[in-house]
């Protein structure tokens, strides 16, 4: 039964994962986030509360 013999498919499996992890993942990670987000909104003044003259 060929599925019990790990020789042929395990080598292909490990080589394909090594290619994915060592070659493709750094390229994908470089394209994922080109610009770092800026958090300028955190330092702005808070809005004034509303004035309800009838209450």
N, C-alpha and C. Protein backbone atom coordinates (compact mmCIF):
# COMPACT_ATOMS: atom_id res chain seq x y z
N UNK A 1 0.85 -1.19 0.00
CA UNK A 1 0.00 0.00 0.00
C UNK A 1 0.89 1.24 0.00
N UNK A 2 0.76 2.10 -1.00
CA UNK A 2 1.69 3.22 -1.15
C UNK A 2 1.50 4.31 -0.09
N UNK A 3 0.33 4.45 0.48
CA UNK A 3 0.14 5.51 1.47
C UNK A 3 0.85 5.21 2.79
N UNK A 4 1.27 3.98 3.01
CA UNK A 4 2.01 3.65 4.22
C UNK A 4 3.50 3.88 4.07
N UNK A 5 3.97 4.06 2.87
CA UNK A 5 5.38 4.32 2.61
C UNK A 5 5.60 5.82 2.53
N UNK A 6 6.21 6.44 3.56
CA UNK A 6 6.34 7.90 3.57
C UNK A 6 7.46 8.43 2.68
N UNK A 7 8.22 7.55 2.07
CA UNK A 7 9.38 7.98 1.28
C UNK A 7 9.06 8.93 0.15
N UNK A 8 8.19 8.60 -0.79
CA UNK A 8 8.02 9.48 -1.96
C UNK A 8 7.28 10.78 -1.64
N UNK A 9 6.21 10.74 -0.89
CA UNK A 9 5.42 11.95 -0.71
C UNK A 9 5.94 12.83 0.41
N UNK A 10 6.64 12.26 1.40
CA UNK A 10 7.13 13.07 2.51
C UNK A 10 8.27 13.99 2.05
N UNK A 11 9.09 13.53 1.16
CA UNK A 11 10.17 14.37 0.63
C UNK A 11 9.59 15.53 -0.18
N UNK A 12 8.58 15.28 -0.99
CA UNK A 12 7.94 16.34 -1.77
C UNK A 12 7.25 17.33 -0.84
N UNK A 13 6.62 16.82 0.21
CA UNK A 13 5.95 17.67 1.18
C UNK A 13 6.94 18.59 1.89
N UNK A 14 8.04 18.04 2.37
CA UNK A 14 9.01 18.87 3.10
C UNK A 14 9.71 19.87 2.19
N UNK A 15 10.03 19.48 0.98
CA UNK A 15 10.69 20.40 0.05
C UNK A 15 9.75 21.54 -0.33
N UNK A 16 8.48 21.23 -0.55
CA UNK A 16 7.54 22.30 -0.90
C UNK A 16 7.33 23.26 0.26
N UNK A 17 7.30 22.77 1.50
CA UNK A 17 7.18 23.66 2.66
C UNK A 17 8.43 24.49 2.85
N UNK A 18 9.59 23.93 2.60
CA UNK A 18 10.83 24.71 2.70
C UNK A 18 10.86 25.82 1.66
N UNK A 19 10.41 25.53 0.46
CA UNK A 19 10.34 26.56 -0.57
C UNK A 19 9.36 27.65 -0.15
N UNK A 20 8.23 27.25 0.38
CA UNK A 20 7.23 28.22 0.82
C UNK A 20 7.77 29.10 1.94
N UNK A 21 8.38 28.49 2.94
CA UNK A 21 8.82 29.25 4.11
C UNK A 21 10.07 30.08 3.86
N UNK A 22 11.00 29.56 3.09
CA UNK A 22 12.28 30.25 2.93
C UNK A 22 12.31 31.23 1.76
N UNK A 23 11.53 31.00 0.74
CA UNK A 23 11.60 31.86 -0.45
C UNK A 23 10.36 32.72 -0.60
N UNK A 24 9.19 32.14 -0.50
CA UNK A 24 7.98 32.89 -0.80
C UNK A 24 7.49 33.76 0.36
N UNK A 25 7.63 33.31 1.60
CA UNK A 25 7.10 34.08 2.72
C UNK A 25 7.76 35.44 2.89
N UNK A 26 9.08 35.59 2.77
CA UNK A 26 9.64 36.94 2.85
C UNK A 26 9.13 37.87 1.75
N UNK A 27 8.92 37.33 0.55
CA UNK A 27 8.40 38.16 -0.53
C UNK A 27 6.96 38.57 -0.26
N UNK A 28 6.16 37.67 0.27
CA UNK A 28 4.77 38.00 0.59
C UNK A 28 4.72 39.01 1.73
N UNK A 29 5.56 38.86 2.73
CA UNK A 29 5.56 39.80 3.85
C UNK A 29 6.03 41.19 3.44
N UNK A 30 6.91 41.29 2.46
CA UNK A 30 7.32 42.61 1.99
C UNK A 30 6.20 43.33 1.26
N UNK A 31 5.32 42.61 0.62
CA UNK A 31 4.23 43.23 -0.12
C UNK A 31 3.01 43.51 0.75
N UNK A 32 2.93 42.88 1.91
CA UNK A 32 1.73 42.98 2.73
C UNK A 32 1.54 44.37 3.31
N UNK A 33 2.57 44.98 3.84
CA UNK A 33 2.43 46.28 4.47
C UNK A 33 3.56 47.18 3.98
N UNK A 34 3.25 48.01 3.00
CA UNK A 34 4.29 48.86 2.44
C UNK A 34 4.52 50.10 3.30
N UNK A 35 3.48 50.68 3.85
CA UNK A 35 3.60 51.88 4.68
C UNK A 35 3.15 51.58 6.09
N UNK A 36 3.93 52.02 7.04
CA UNK A 36 3.54 51.85 8.43
C UNK A 36 2.44 52.85 8.76
N UNK A 37 1.44 52.46 9.51
CA UNK A 37 0.36 53.38 9.84
C UNK A 37 0.84 54.46 10.82
N UNK A 38 0.29 55.64 10.66
CA UNK A 38 0.61 56.73 11.59
C UNK A 38 -0.57 56.92 12.52
N UNK A 39 -0.28 57.20 13.76
CA UNK A 39 -1.30 57.36 14.77
C UNK A 39 -1.43 58.82 15.17
N UNK A 40 -1.68 59.66 14.20
CA UNK A 40 -1.79 61.09 14.49
C UNK A 40 -3.10 61.41 15.19
N UNK A 41 -4.11 60.58 15.04
CA UNK A 41 -5.39 60.83 15.65
C UNK A 41 -5.38 60.70 17.16
N UNK A 42 -4.39 60.03 17.71
CA UNK A 42 -4.34 59.84 19.15
C UNK A 42 -3.96 61.13 19.88
N UNK A 43 -3.26 62.03 19.21
CA UNK A 43 -2.75 63.21 19.87
C UNK A 43 -3.57 64.46 19.59
N UNK A 44 -4.67 64.33 18.89
CA UNK A 44 -5.51 65.49 18.63
C UNK A 44 -6.31 65.84 19.88
N UNK A 45 -6.79 67.09 19.91
CA UNK A 45 -7.62 67.52 21.04
C UNK A 45 -8.94 66.78 21.02
N UNK A 46 -9.44 66.52 22.21
CA UNK A 46 -10.74 65.87 22.30
C UNK A 46 -11.84 66.89 21.99
N UNK A 47 -12.93 66.47 21.38
CA UNK A 47 -14.00 67.43 21.07
C UNK A 47 -14.68 67.94 22.34
N UNK A 48 -15.19 69.14 22.24
CA UNK A 48 -15.90 69.74 23.37
C UNK A 48 -17.26 69.06 23.54
N UNK A 49 -17.69 68.98 24.78
CA UNK A 49 -19.03 68.40 25.02
C UNK A 49 -20.10 69.40 24.58
N UNK A 50 -21.26 68.89 24.26
CA UNK A 50 -22.34 69.75 23.78
C UNK A 50 -22.94 70.54 24.94
N UNK A 51 -23.35 71.73 24.61
CA UNK A 51 -24.00 72.58 25.59
C UNK A 51 -25.50 72.50 25.35
N UNK A 52 -26.26 72.00 26.33
CA UNK A 52 -27.71 71.87 26.22
C UNK A 52 -28.34 72.96 27.09
N UNK A 53 -28.71 74.10 26.53
CA UNK A 53 -29.21 75.20 27.34
C UNK A 53 -30.59 74.94 27.94
N UNK A 54 -31.40 74.04 27.38
CA UNK A 54 -32.75 73.81 27.89
C UNK A 54 -32.80 72.79 29.01
N UNK A 55 -31.68 72.18 29.35
CA UNK A 55 -31.69 71.19 30.43
C UNK A 55 -31.24 71.82 31.72
